[in-house]
Protein backbone atom coordinates (compact mmCIF):
# COMPACT_ATOMS: atom_id res chain seq x y z
CA GLU A 1 -14.82 22.43 -5.61
CA CYS A 2 -11.15 22.21 -4.56
CA PRO A 3 -9.37 19.95 -7.04
CA ASP A 4 -5.99 21.14 -5.78
CA ALA A 5 -6.71 20.39 -2.17
CA ALA A 6 -4.70 17.51 -0.60
CA ALA A 7 -6.54 14.18 -1.11
CA VAL A 8 -3.96 11.61 -0.19
CA VAL A 9 -0.97 12.25 2.11
CA GLY A 10 1.54 9.57 3.23
CA GLU A 11 4.97 8.13 2.61
CA GLY A 12 6.40 11.43 1.67
CA VAL A 13 3.80 12.39 -0.92
CA SER A 14 0.88 14.66 -1.06
CA TRP A 15 -1.44 14.25 -4.00
CA SER A 16 -4.29 16.58 -4.80
CA TYR A 17 -7.75 15.41 -5.83
CA ARG A 18 -6.75 16.36 -9.43
CA GLU A 19 -3.63 14.17 -9.22
CA VAL A 20 -5.48 11.26 -7.69
CA ASP A 21 -8.10 11.49 -10.39
CA ALA A 22 -5.52 11.60 -13.14
CA ARG A 23 -3.49 8.70 -11.74
CA SER A 24 -6.52 6.47 -11.23
CA ALA A 25 -8.01 7.39 -14.61
CA ARG A 26 -4.71 6.50 -16.43
CA LEU A 27 -4.44 3.18 -14.58
CA ALA A 28 -8.21 2.38 -15.20
CA GLY A 29 -7.64 2.95 -18.92
CA TYR A 30 -4.66 0.63 -18.83
CA LEU A 31 -6.57 -2.02 -16.93
CA VAL A 32 -9.35 -1.88 -19.54
CA SER A 33 -6.75 -2.32 -22.19
CA ARG A 34 -5.55 -5.45 -20.40
CA GLY A 35 -9.09 -6.92 -20.47
CA VAL A 36 -10.70 -5.64 -17.23
CA VAL A 37 -14.50 -5.25 -17.86
CA ALA A 38 -17.49 -4.94 -15.59
CA GLY A 39 -17.36 -7.66 -12.93
CA SER A 40 -13.74 -8.64 -13.58
CA ARG A 41 -11.74 -9.55 -10.49
CA VAL A 42 -8.47 -7.74 -10.11
CA GLY A 43 -5.95 -8.86 -7.46
CA VAL A 44 -4.33 -6.03 -5.48
CA LEU A 45 -1.06 -7.16 -3.88
CA LEU A 46 0.17 -3.90 -2.37
CA GLU A 47 1.29 -2.41 0.95
CA ARG A 48 -1.05 0.15 2.35
CA GLY A 49 -0.30 3.64 1.17
CA PRO A 50 -0.96 6.32 -1.51
CA ASP A 51 -0.51 3.93 -4.40
CA ALA A 52 -3.05 1.58 -2.97
CA VAL A 53 -5.70 4.32 -2.91
CA CYS A 54 -5.18 5.12 -6.55
CA VAL A 55 -5.16 1.46 -7.51
CA LEU A 56 -8.44 0.68 -5.72
CA LEU A 57 -10.10 3.68 -7.38
CA ALA A 58 -8.72 2.63 -10.81
CA VAL A 59 -10.11 -0.86 -10.47
CA LEU A 60 -13.53 0.54 -9.59
CA ARG A 61 -13.36 3.01 -12.49
CA ALA A 62 -12.48 0.23 -14.91
CA GLY A 63 -15.61 -1.63 -13.66
CA GLY A 64 -13.76 -4.34 -11.85
CA ALA A 65 -13.84 -5.70 -8.33
CA TYR A 66 -10.67 -5.63 -6.34
CA VAL A 67 -9.42 -8.57 -4.40
CA PRO A 68 -7.15 -7.17 -1.72
CA VAL A 69 -4.26 -9.50 -0.76
CA ASP A 70 -1.99 -8.64 2.13
CA PRO A 71 1.67 -9.03 1.03
CA GLY A 72 2.42 -10.16 4.57
CA TYR A 73 0.63 -13.44 4.01
CA PRO A 74 2.66 -16.56 3.35
CA ALA A 75 3.33 -17.30 -0.30
CA ALA A 76 0.91 -20.24 -0.41
CA ARG A 77 -1.87 -18.06 0.96
CA VAL A 78 -1.19 -15.28 -1.60
CA GLU A 79 -1.25 -17.82 -4.39
CA PHE A 80 -4.45 -19.37 -3.14
CA LEU A 81 -6.28 -16.03 -2.81
CA LEU A 82 -5.26 -14.83 -6.19
CA THR A 83 -6.03 -18.05 -8.08
CA ASP A 84 -9.23 -19.04 -6.15
CA SER A 85 -10.70 -15.54 -6.57
CA GLY A 86 -10.48 -15.84 -10.38
CA ALA A 87 -8.36 -12.64 -10.65
CA GLY A 88 -7.39 -12.26 -14.29
CA VAL A 89 -4.99 -9.35 -13.52
CA VAL A 90 -2.96 -8.59 -10.38
CA VAL A 91 -1.73 -5.06 -9.64
CA THR A 92 1.42 -4.96 -7.57
CA THR A 93 4.86 -3.33 -7.22
CA ALA A 94 8.17 -4.43 -8.60
CA GLU A 95 9.28 -5.48 -5.10
CA LEU A 96 6.24 -7.82 -4.81
CA ALA A 97 5.87 -9.01 -8.42
CA ASP A 98 7.69 -12.25 -7.81
CA ARG A 99 4.88 -13.25 -5.35
CA VAL A 100 2.23 -13.33 -8.14
CA PRO A 101 1.56 -16.88 -9.34
CA ALA A 102 2.75 -17.73 -12.79
CA GLY A 103 0.15 -17.39 -15.47
CA LEU A 104 -1.57 -14.33 -14.01
CA ALA A 105 -1.23 -11.09 -15.92
CA THR A 106 0.64 -8.56 -13.75
CA VAL A 107 0.55 -4.78 -13.80
CA VAL A 108 3.50 -3.25 -11.95
CA VAL A 109 2.46 0.20 -10.74
CA ASP A 110 5.97 1.51 -10.06
CA ASP A 111 7.34 0.35 -13.43
CA PRO A 112 8.18 3.42 -15.44
CA ALA A 113 6.91 1.75 -18.66
């Protein structure tokens, strides 16, 4: 009923329900193009914040199951969680992308491309 009402507020941003819907739909489409299908596991290596909300919604919209990984974990734990979970794709930021194990497809949410 109120698509322009604030849905996500934090870290200096305020996104409406319409904006969250558009962001998550765009990312969901991209995830599907990267091979995410129903039941796929998608690693989410992000700090808590507005981007994380949109990413989790996008994974669900694409039919996947998200595997949340705290970037504060030691590198060996991050690698274990992402590889052991069977995640085929990992969504992260440019700042954290180097923590994704080699061989896993990476989607960098703050990459302009």
